[in-house]
Amino acid sequence: MGPSSDPMYSVIRQEIESFNSIFGFPSDVSVTIEKCGEANAYYDPSEVSITICTEFDAHLRKQFGNL
């Protein structure tokens, strides 16, 4: 399954486009979605990148269901 077929990909892409229109980052920040073994998302300043773990999707859906 490629990134564009992952339902999370479309949502994250829209969020990134929104952030880019609101914030003026001094340089490009790469965003990757990958399996990490835990529900997490983090920024790596040495790589200037954000990693969003695929497991985070299920975690957020569960949290949203608890509201």
C-alpha atoms as a PDB file:
ATOM      1  CA  MET A   1       0.000   0.000   0.000  1.00  0.00           C
ATOM      2  CA  GLY A   2       1.507   3.332  -1.059  1.00  0.00           C
ATOM      3  CA  PRO A   3       1.238   6.518   0.975  1.00  0.00           C
ATOM      4  CA  SER A   4      -1.535   8.013  -1.149  1.00  0.00           C
ATOM      5  CA  SER A   5      -3.752   4.955  -0.492  1.00  0.00           C
ATOM      6  CA  ASP A   6      -3.414   5.345   3.299  1.00  0.00           C
ATOM      7  CA  PRO A   7      -6.493   7.245   4.593  1.00  0.00           C
ATOM      8  CA  MET A   8      -4.307   9.039   7.132  1.00  0.00           C
ATOM      9  CA  TYR A   9      -2.138  10.413   4.305  1.00  0.00           C
ATOM     10  CA  SER A  10      -4.894  12.648   2.928  1.00  0.00           C
ATOM     11  CA  VAL A  11      -5.760  14.104   6.329  1.00  0.00           C
ATOM     12  CA  ILE A  12      -2.125  14.764   7.222  1.00  0.00           C
ATOM     13  CA  ARG A  13      -1.459  16.330   3.814  1.00  0.00           C
ATOM     14  CA  GLN A  14      -4.357  18.762   4.316  1.00  0.00           C
ATOM     15  CA  GLU A  15      -3.080  19.665   7.793  1.00  0.00           C
ATOM     16  CA  ILE A  16       0.431  20.305   6.475  1.00  0.00           C
ATOM     17  CA  GLU A  17      -0.931  22.568   3.742  1.00  0.00           C
ATOM     18  CA  SER A  18      -2.934  24.457   6.372  1.00  0.00           C
ATOM     19  CA  PHE A  19       0.096  24.854   8.663  1.00  0.00           C
ATOM     20  CA  ASN A  20       2.201  26.063   5.742  1.00  0.00           C
ATOM     21  CA  SER A  21      -0.347  28.767   4.952  1.00  0.00           C
ATOM     22  CA  ILE A  22      -0.513  29.926   8.597  1.00  0.00           C
ATOM     23  CA  PHE A  23       3.101  29.677   9.772  1.00  0.00           C
ATOM     24  CA  GLY A  24       6.178  31.028   8.032  1.00  0.00           C
ATOM     25  CA  PHE A  25       8.760  28.340   8.692  1.00  0.00           C
ATOM     26  CA  PRO A  26      12.327  29.414   7.852  1.00  0.00           C
ATOM     27  CA  SER A  27      12.938  26.152   5.984  1.00  0.00           C
ATOM     28  CA  ASP A  28      11.001  23.150   4.745  1.00  0.00           C
ATOM     29  CA  VAL A  29      10.021  20.605   7.391  1.00  0.00           C
ATOM     30  CA  SER A  30       9.610  17.077   6.060  1.00  0.00           C
ATOM     31  CA  VAL A  31       6.759  14.981   7.414  1.00  0.00           C
ATOM     32  CA  THR A  32       6.774  11.199   7.298  1.00  0.00           C
ATOM     33  CA  ILE A  33       4.205   8.629   8.331  1.00  0.00           C
ATOM     34  CA  GLU A  34       5.678   5.335   9.460  1.00  0.00           C
ATOM     35  CA  LYS A  35       5.127   2.364  11.720  1.00  0.00           C
ATOM     36  CA  CYS A  36       6.875   2.999  15.052  1.00  0.00           C
ATOM     37  CA  GLY A  37       5.503   0.317  17.361  1.00  0.00           C
ATOM     38  CA  GLU A  38       3.688   2.898  19.520  1.00  0.00           C
ATOM     39  CA  ALA A  39       1.193   5.744  19.218  1.00  0.00           C
ATOM     40  CA  ASN A  40       3.457   8.762  18.849  1.00  0.00           C
ATOM     41  CA  ALA A  41       4.429  11.770  16.775  1.00  0.00           C
ATOM     42  CA  TYR A  42       7.612  13.746  17.206  1.00  0.00           C
ATOM     43  CA  TYR A  43       9.839  16.475  15.812  1.00  0.00           C
ATOM     44  CA  ASP A  44      13.520  15.781  15.135  1.00  0.00           C
ATOM     45  CA  PRO A  45      15.403  19.108  15.101  1.00  0.00           C
ATOM     46  CA  SER A  46      18.584  17.541  13.704  1.00  0.00           C
ATOM     47  CA  GLU A  47      16.651  16.260  10.665  1.00  0.00           C
ATOM     48  CA  VAL A  48      14.134  19.154  10.585  1.00  0.00           C
ATOM     49  CA  SER A  49      11.374  16.569  10.281  1.00  0.00           C
ATOM     50  CA  ILE A  50       8.160  15.434  11.888  1.00  0.00           C
ATOM     51  CA  THR A  51       7.386  11.729  12.148  1.00  0.00           C
ATOM     52  CA  ILE A  52       3.812  10.636  12.701  1.00  0.00           C
ATOM     53  CA  CYS A  53       3.461   7.018  13.699  1.00  0.00           C
ATOM     54  CA  THR A  54       0.697   5.055  11.976  1.00  0.00           C
ATOM     55  CA  GLU A  55      -0.366   3.766  15.401  1.00  0.00           C
ATOM     56  CA  PHE A  56      -1.208   7.350  16.405  1.00  0.00           C
ATOM     57  CA  ASP A  57      -4.308   7.264  14.188  1.00  0.00           C
ATOM     58  CA  ALA A  58      -6.009   4.538  16.243  1.00  0.00           C
ATOM     59  CA  HIS A  59      -4.998   6.287  19.460  1.00  0.00           C
ATOM     60  CA  LEU A  60      -6.540   9.595  18.352  1.00  0.00           C
ATOM     61  CA  ARG A  61      -9.730   7.857  17.209  1.00  0.00           C
ATOM     62  CA  LYS A  62     -10.023   6.195  20.631  1.00  0.00           C
ATOM     63  CA  GLN A  63      -9.436   9.510  22.416  1.00  0.00           C
ATOM     64  CA  PHE A  64     -12.015  11.241  20.232  1.00  0.00           C
ATOM     65  CA  GLY A  65     -14.509   8.493  21.074  1.00  0.00           C
ATOM     66  CA  ASN A  66     -13.988   9.197  24.787  1.00  0.00           C
ATOM     67  CA  LEU A  67     -15.112  12.831  24.490  1.00  0.00           C
END
